[in-house]
Amino acid sequence: MAEYRVKIAFWLRAYDSFTIDAASPEEAIEIAKREARREIESSGKPEHIETDARREGVILYVDRVGAALDVATIAEDLAFDDDRIHPAEERPAEQEIQSA
């Protein structure tokens, strides 16, 4: 029986907040959008990360342990869970690599 290493990836929901000053509701919305874009690109830790609502899981790869690097990977980018973020038609196509 062969041993395989499986690497998965998934999204977590993170929350952050900030305050802004604005002269009107319209200006508040514009400033909020601008600051939200800036904040989402930040590498700082968010206020809260929800770890019990993981979603959009994908198996990044399945590698045969101990095999030569050029033939170790037997599969990549395999969906294994329902995608609650994007509709099915927007999902990346699964890629399977022939086993060596």
Protein backbone atom coordinates (compact mmCIF):
# COMPACT_ATOMS: atom_id res chain seq x y z
CA MET A 1 0.00 0.00 0.00
CA ALA A 2 1.43 3.41 -1.00
CA GLU A 3 1.47 6.51 1.19
CA TYR A 4 0.20 9.83 -0.19
CA ARG A 5 0.45 13.41 1.05
CA VAL A 6 -2.66 15.56 0.51
CA LYS A 7 -2.58 19.39 0.72
CA ILE A 8 -5.92 21.20 0.94
CA ALA A 9 -6.86 24.87 0.74
CA PHE A 10 -10.01 26.63 1.89
CA TRP A 11 -11.38 30.07 2.62
CA LEU A 12 -12.10 31.42 6.08
CA ARG A 13 -14.30 34.40 6.79
CA ALA A 14 -12.41 37.27 8.45
CA TYR A 15 -13.85 40.43 9.96
CA ASP A 16 -12.33 43.86 10.51
CA SER A 17 -13.74 47.32 11.15
CA PHE A 18 -12.69 50.95 11.12
CA THR A 19 -14.22 54.37 11.67
CA ILE A 20 -14.46 57.22 9.19
CA ASP A 21 -15.60 60.84 9.23
CA ALA A 22 -17.87 62.14 6.47
CA ALA A 23 -20.09 65.17 5.82
CA SER A 24 -22.98 63.17 4.34
CA PRO A 25 -24.24 59.58 3.94
CA GLU A 26 -23.15 59.63 0.30
CA GLU A 27 -19.65 60.72 1.23
CA ALA A 28 -19.56 58.09 4.00
CA ILE A 29 -20.30 55.36 1.45
CA GLU A 30 -17.58 56.59 -0.92
CA ILE A 31 -15.02 56.85 1.87
CA ALA A 32 -16.06 53.44 3.24
CA LYS A 33 -15.50 51.83 -0.18
CA ARG A 34 -12.09 53.46 -0.57
CA GLU A 35 -10.96 52.52 2.94
CA ALA A 36 -12.36 48.98 2.60
CA ARG A 37 -10.22 48.48 -0.53
CA ARG A 38 -7.17 49.70 1.38
CA GLU A 39 -7.97 47.56 4.42
CA ILE A 40 -8.56 44.35 2.46
CA GLU A 41 -5.06 44.65 0.96
CA SER A 42 -3.52 45.01 4.41
CA SER A 43 -1.34 42.18 5.67
CA GLY A 44 -2.28 42.89 9.28
CA LYS A 45 -4.27 40.43 11.35
CA PRO A 46 -8.04 41.03 11.22
CA GLU A 47 -10.12 41.54 14.36
CA HIS A 48 -11.81 38.14 14.06
CA ILE A 49 -11.39 35.00 11.95
CA GLU A 50 -14.30 32.58 11.82
CA THR A 51 -12.73 29.12 11.76
CA ASP A 52 -15.90 27.04 12.03
CA ALA A 53 -17.31 28.16 8.67
CA ARG A 54 -14.64 26.97 6.25
CA ARG A 55 -15.78 27.02 2.64
CA GLU A 56 -14.78 26.48 -0.95
CA GLY A 57 -12.43 23.64 -0.23
CA VAL A 58 -10.07 22.35 -2.87
CA ILE A 59 -7.43 19.64 -2.80
CA LEU A 60 -4.33 21.46 -4.05
CA TYR A 61 -2.47 18.26 -4.76
CA VAL A 62 -2.07 14.58 -3.96
CA ASP A 63 1.56 13.42 -4.04
CA ARG A 64 2.92 9.89 -3.74
CA VAL A 65 5.33 9.88 -0.77
CA GLY A 66 8.82 8.68 -1.70
CA ALA A 67 8.29 8.95 -5.47
CA ALA A 68 10.60 10.95 -7.72
CA LEU A 69 9.54 14.59 -7.91
CA ASP A 70 8.74 14.43 -11.62
CA VAL A 71 6.16 11.64 -11.07
CA ALA A 72 5.05 12.20 -7.45
CA THR A 73 1.98 14.33 -8.14
CA ILE A 74 -1.01 12.19 -9.08
CA ALA A 75 -3.73 14.88 -8.92
CA GLU A 76 -4.10 18.66 -8.56
CA ASP A 77 -6.89 21.18 -8.02
CA LEU A 78 -9.69 18.77 -7.11
CA ALA A 79 -12.96 20.15 -5.74
CA PHE A 80 -14.21 18.07 -2.83
CA ASP A 81 -16.78 20.26 -1.13
CA ASP A 82 -19.68 22.39 -2.27
CA ASP A 83 -18.67 25.88 -3.25
CA ARG A 84 -20.68 28.31 -1.19
CA ILE A 85 -18.89 31.38 -2.55
CA HIS A 86 -19.09 31.03 -6.34
CA PRO A 87 -21.81 29.44 -8.47
CA ALA A 88 -20.89 26.11 -10.08
CA GLU A 89 -20.44 27.63 -13.55
CA GLU A 90 -17.66 29.92 -12.23
CA ARG A 91 -15.67 27.11 -10.55
CA PRO A 92 -12.21 26.36 -11.91
CA ALA A 93 -12.06 23.15 -13.90
CA GLU A 94 -10.61 20.15 -12.11
CA GLN A 95 -7.24 18.99 -13.31
CA GLU A 96 -6.18 15.38 -12.91
CA ILE A 97 -2.72 14.13 -13.70
CA GLN A 98 -2.23 10.57 -14.86
CA SER A 99 -0.62 8.38 -12.24
CA ALA A 100 2.86 7.20 -13.08
